[in-house]
Amino acid sequence: MRKSILLFLVLSLISCSKDSNNSNVCPNNDCWVNLYTEGNNIVGDYYEVTPQWTSDSGRFNLYVESISTEPTCQYNGVSVVSTKFDSSSYWEVESGLSFTFSLYNPFQSFSSQDGTLIPVNDTIVNINYFQGQIVPIVQETNISHDVKDKRSCWGWTNPNSGPTPKETNSCVMVGKKIVGPIIRDMIGDTITIYSKTTFDCGERTQSVLDSIKVIVK
C-alpha cells in the first residue's frame, strides 16, 4: 500500500514538473505576426492600396494576423493578443474648415409639396481653429485579435456564435485597423506603418515588432 502511494506521488510530481517546464507563450515558441492590406502585393513588403475616398480624404483597412497563445496563457480558453500601430507619416491642416448653412424665413420662405421649407439664402462660416494641426494617418490605439475561423478552430456551426471554448489550440487570430484620414496629396507616396503585437501571458508576456510599406494609389 505504501509503495502504491509513493508511486502515485512520484508520478504526480513528474506530471507537475512537465507542466511547469512548458514556458512557451505560443505553439512551438513561435509568436508570429503577418501584416497585409486589401491591395496587391508588389515586391516583398510593398503593397498598393487604393483608399476609399470621401471628398478630399480617404481610408483603407490594414489587417494583422497572428497565432494564438498556449492554453496556459489563455483566459477562459481565449487568447489575449493585441496590436498597437504607429507611422511617421502625417499631414498638416493648411486651411480652416468651411461650412455652408442654409438660411430660412419662416414667414416668407416658400415650401415644397411635403411642407419642407426652401432656403432663401446660404451663408458660409469659416473656422480657423484647426489650421496648422498635425494629423497622423495612424491613430495610436490598440486593437484586439479574434479567432479568424471559429468554425474550424472551435467547431462552431455558426461563424458568429457558439459555445464558449475550453481552449484555443494553434488557431490563427486576426485584427483590423482603419488607416486614415489620408489626403489626395499623398497619392503616389510610400507609407511605412509599424506594429507592436503583444501576446499576453502574465509575467511571460511577449511582444513582436513588425512593419509594412504601403503605396497610396
Protein backbone atom coordinates (compact mmCIF):
# COMPACT_ATOMS: atom_id res chain seq x y z
CA MET A 1 0.00 0.00 0.00
CA ARG A 2 2.81 2.40 0.92
CA LYS A 3 4.60 1.60 -2.34
CA SER A 4 1.44 2.40 -4.32
CA ILE A 5 1.03 5.75 -2.57
CA LEU A 6 4.72 6.57 -3.09
CA LEU A 7 4.49 5.70 -6.79
CA PHE A 8 1.43 7.89 -7.16
CA LEU A 9 3.19 10.85 -5.54
CA VAL A 10 6.24 10.40 -7.77
CA LEU A 11 4.09 10.33 -10.92
CA SER A 12 2.21 13.42 -9.74
CA LEU A 13 5.46 15.32 -9.19
CA ILE A 14 6.75 14.31 -12.63
CA SER A 15 3.50 15.47 -14.22
CA CYS A 16 3.62 18.82 -12.42
CA SER A 17 7.26 19.23 -13.36
CA LYS A 18 6.47 18.73 -17.04
CA ASP A 19 3.65 21.32 -16.93
CA SER A 20 5.82 23.89 -15.17
CA ASN A 21 8.60 23.40 -17.70
CA ASN A 22 6.29 24.38 -20.57
CA SER A 23 7.25 28.04 -20.70
CA ASN A 24 6.21 28.60 -24.33
CA VAL A 25 3.92 31.56 -24.87
CA CYS A 26 2.92 30.43 -28.38
CA PRO A 27 2.85 26.99 -30.02
CA ASN A 28 6.38 25.81 -30.83
CA ASN A 29 7.56 29.00 -29.09
CA ASP A 30 6.86 30.90 -32.33
CA CYS A 31 4.78 34.04 -31.78
CA TRP A 32 4.48 35.11 -35.42
CA VAL A 33 2.76 38.17 -36.94
CA ASN A 34 1.71 38.92 -40.53
CA LEU A 35 0.61 42.35 -41.80
CA TYR A 36 -1.30 42.80 -45.06
CA THR A 37 -3.85 45.04 -46.80
CA GLU A 38 -6.63 44.59 -49.33
CA GLY A 39 -4.24 45.74 -52.08
CA ASN A 40 -2.00 43.65 -54.33
CA ASN A 41 1.47 42.73 -53.13
CA ILE A 42 4.10 44.22 -55.45
CA VAL A 43 7.57 43.23 -54.27
CA GLY A 44 8.40 41.97 -50.81
CA ASP A 45 6.67 44.12 -48.20
CA TYR A 46 5.29 46.71 -50.64
CA TYR A 47 1.52 46.86 -51.07
CA GLU A 48 -0.52 49.02 -53.42
CA VAL A 49 -3.62 50.45 -51.78
CA THR A 50 -6.49 52.49 -53.21
CA PRO A 51 -8.19 54.19 -50.26
CA GLN A 52 -11.93 54.67 -50.07
CA TRP A 53 -12.10 58.37 -50.85
CA THR A 54 -14.70 60.68 -49.31
CA SER A 55 -14.34 64.19 -50.66
CA ASP A 56 -10.66 65.10 -50.12
CA SER A 57 -9.69 62.36 -47.66
CA GLY A 58 -9.64 58.58 -47.68
CA ARG A 59 -9.10 55.48 -45.55
CA PHE A 60 -8.10 51.86 -46.04
CA ASN A 61 -8.09 48.69 -43.96
CA LEU A 62 -4.94 47.12 -42.56
CA TYR A 63 -5.05 43.55 -41.24
CA VAL A 64 -2.76 41.77 -38.80
CA GLU A 65 -2.71 38.01 -38.33
CA SER A 66 -1.04 36.09 -35.53
CA ILE A 67 -1.00 32.72 -33.86
CA SER A 68 -2.94 32.07 -30.66
CA THR A 69 -1.15 31.71 -27.32
CA GLU A 70 -0.68 28.46 -25.46
CA PRO A 71 -3.63 27.24 -23.32
CA THR A 72 -1.61 28.02 -20.15
CA CYS A 73 -1.61 31.70 -21.20
CA GLN A 74 -5.30 31.93 -22.09
CA TYR A 75 -8.16 33.41 -20.10
CA ASN A 76 -11.27 31.21 -20.08
CA GLY A 77 -10.00 29.48 -23.21
CA VAL A 78 -9.43 32.70 -25.15
CA SER A 79 -6.05 34.06 -26.31
CA VAL A 80 -5.45 37.71 -25.47
CA VAL A 81 -3.46 39.20 -28.36
CA SER A 82 -3.46 42.91 -29.25
CA THR A 83 -1.60 45.22 -31.64
CA LYS A 84 -0.66 48.89 -31.47
CA PHE A 85 0.19 50.78 -34.66
CA ASP A 86 2.25 53.84 -35.47
CA SER A 87 3.62 55.67 -38.52
CA SER A 88 5.98 58.53 -39.27
CA SER A 89 3.61 59.82 -41.97
CA TYR A 90 1.25 62.70 -41.22
CA TRP A 91 -0.27 65.74 -42.86
CA GLU A 92 -0.99 69.31 -41.79
CA VAL A 93 -4.30 71.12 -41.92
CA GLU A 94 -3.30 74.05 -44.16
CA SER A 95 -6.57 75.96 -44.06
CA GLY A 96 -9.58 76.27 -41.83
CA LEU A 97 -12.82 74.40 -42.14
CA SER A 98 -15.74 75.88 -44.02
CA PHE A 99 -19.40 75.07 -43.50
CA THR A 100 -22.37 76.16 -45.57
CA PHE A 101 -25.61 76.88 -43.72
CA SER A 102 -28.97 77.49 -45.29
CA LEU A 103 -31.00 80.47 -44.15
CA TYR A 104 -34.76 80.30 -43.79
CA ASN A 105 -37.54 82.79 -43.22
CA PRO A 106 -40.44 81.00 -41.56
CA PHE A 107 -42.92 83.64 -42.72
CA GLN A 108 -41.68 84.41 -46.24
CA SER A 109 -39.88 81.22 -47.40
CA PHE A 110 -41.58 79.01 -49.91
CA SER A 111 -42.12 75.36 -49.08
CA SER A 112 -42.16 72.15 -51.12
CA GLN A 113 -45.23 69.95 -51.57
CA ASP A 114 -44.35 67.94 -48.46
CA GLY A 115 -44.05 71.09 -46.36
CA THR A 116 -40.24 71.35 -46.31
CA LEU A 117 -39.06 74.97 -46.17
CA ILE A 118 -36.99 76.21 -49.11
CA PRO A 119 -33.96 78.30 -48.02
CA VAL A 120 -33.94 81.94 -49.05
CA ASN A 121 -30.15 82.19 -48.92
CA ASP A 122 -26.92 80.45 -47.88
CA THR A 123 -24.08 81.63 -45.69
CA ILE A 124 -20.52 80.27 -45.29
CA VAL A 125 -18.94 80.04 -41.85
CA ASN A 126 -15.13 79.67 -41.68
CA ILE A 127 -13.46 78.04 -38.66
CA ASN A 128 -9.68 78.50 -38.48
CA TYR A 129 -9.25 76.69 -35.16
CA PHE A 130 -7.85 73.51 -36.79
CA GLN A 131 -5.44 75.30 -39.15
CA GLY A 132 -1.86 74.09 -38.67
CA GLN A 133 -2.89 70.97 -36.76
CA ILE A 134 -0.81 67.83 -37.39
CA VAL A 135 -2.93 64.81 -38.30
CA PRO A 136 -1.29 61.34 -38.08
CA ILE A 137 -2.57 58.78 -40.58
CA VAL A 138 -2.47 56.06 -37.91
CA GLN A 139 -4.05 56.61 -34.51
CA GLU A 140 -2.17 55.05 -31.59
CA THR A 141 -4.96 52.82 -30.32
CA ASN A 142 -4.77 49.11 -29.55
CA ILE A 143 -6.87 46.60 -31.48
CA SER A 144 -7.70 43.13 -30.16
CA HIS A 145 -7.26 39.97 -32.21
CA ASP A 146 -10.06 37.47 -32.65
CA VAL A 147 -10.08 33.89 -33.96
CA LYS A 148 -10.15 34.13 -37.75
CA ASP A 149 -12.15 30.95 -38.43
CA LYS A 150 -14.26 29.96 -35.42
CA ARG A 151 -15.81 27.01 -37.24
CA SER A 152 -12.52 25.20 -37.81
CA CYS A 153 -10.92 26.39 -34.55
CA TRP A 154 -13.78 25.99 -32.07
CA GLY A 155 -16.07 23.73 -34.06
CA TRP A 156 -18.86 26.30 -34.32
CA THR A 157 -21.56 25.71 -36.93
CA ASN A 158 -22.35 29.44 -36.93
CA PRO A 159 -19.32 31.70 -37.58
CA ASN A 160 -20.74 34.40 -35.29
CA SER A 161 -21.95 32.46 -32.26
CA GLY A 162 -21.42 29.18 -30.47
CA PRO A 163 -20.49 27.55 -27.16
CA THR A 164 -17.75 29.04 -25.01
CA PRO A 165 -14.45 27.33 -25.96
CA LYS A 166 -12.45 25.47 -23.34
CA GLU A 167 -9.19 26.44 -25.05
CA THR A 168 -7.84 27.79 -28.34
CA ASN A 169 -5.35 25.39 -29.89
CA SER A 170 -2.91 26.74 -32.52
CA CYS A 171 -5.53 28.88 -34.26
CA VAL A 172 -4.90 31.90 -36.47
CA MET A 173 -6.00 35.20 -34.94
CA VAL A 174 -6.81 38.38 -36.89
CA GLY A 175 -7.40 42.08 -36.21
CA LYS A 176 -8.34 45.05 -38.41
CA LYS A 177 -7.10 48.64 -38.26
CA ILE A 178 -8.60 51.52 -40.25
CA VAL A 179 -5.76 53.72 -41.54
CA GLY A 180 -6.58 57.35 -42.21
CA PRO A 181 -7.52 60.04 -42.85
CA ILE A 182 -5.24 60.27 -45.89
CA ILE A 183 -5.32 63.29 -48.20
CA ARG A 184 -5.14 63.13 -52.00
CA ASP A 185 -1.76 64.92 -51.97
CA MET A 186 -0.32 61.64 -50.61
CA ILE A 187 -1.22 59.67 -53.76
CA GLY A 188 1.99 58.03 -55.00
CA ASP A 189 3.69 58.26 -51.59
CA THR A 190 5.10 55.25 -49.77
CA ILE A 191 3.91 54.96 -46.19
CA THR A 192 5.59 52.79 -43.59
CA ILE A 193 3.31 51.52 -40.83
CA TYR A 194 4.82 49.98 -37.71
CA SER A 195 3.16 47.50 -35.37
CA LYS A 196 3.77 46.10 -31.91
CA THR A 197 1.82 42.92 -31.17
CA THR A 198 1.54 41.75 -27.57
CA PHE A 199 0.89 38.12 -26.65
CA ASP A 200 -0.49 38.26 -23.11
CA CYS A 201 0.83 35.56 -20.80
CA GLY A 202 1.21 37.26 -17.44
CA GLU A 203 4.86 37.52 -16.44
CA ARG A 204 5.87 35.72 -19.66
CA THR A 205 4.14 38.23 -21.98
CA GLN A 206 5.95 38.68 -25.30
CA SER A 207 5.87 41.47 -27.89
CA VAL A 208 6.67 41.22 -31.60
CA LEU A 209 7.59 44.22 -33.78
CA ASP A 210 6.75 44.34 -37.47
CA SER A 211 6.19 46.86 -40.28
CA ILE A 212 4.62 47.16 -43.72
CA LYS A 213 5.25 49.56 -46.63
CA VAL A 214 2.17 50.82 -48.47
CA ILE A 215 1.99 52.77 -51.73
CA VAL A 216 -1.08 55.01 -51.97
CA LYS A 217 -2.77 54.91 -55.36
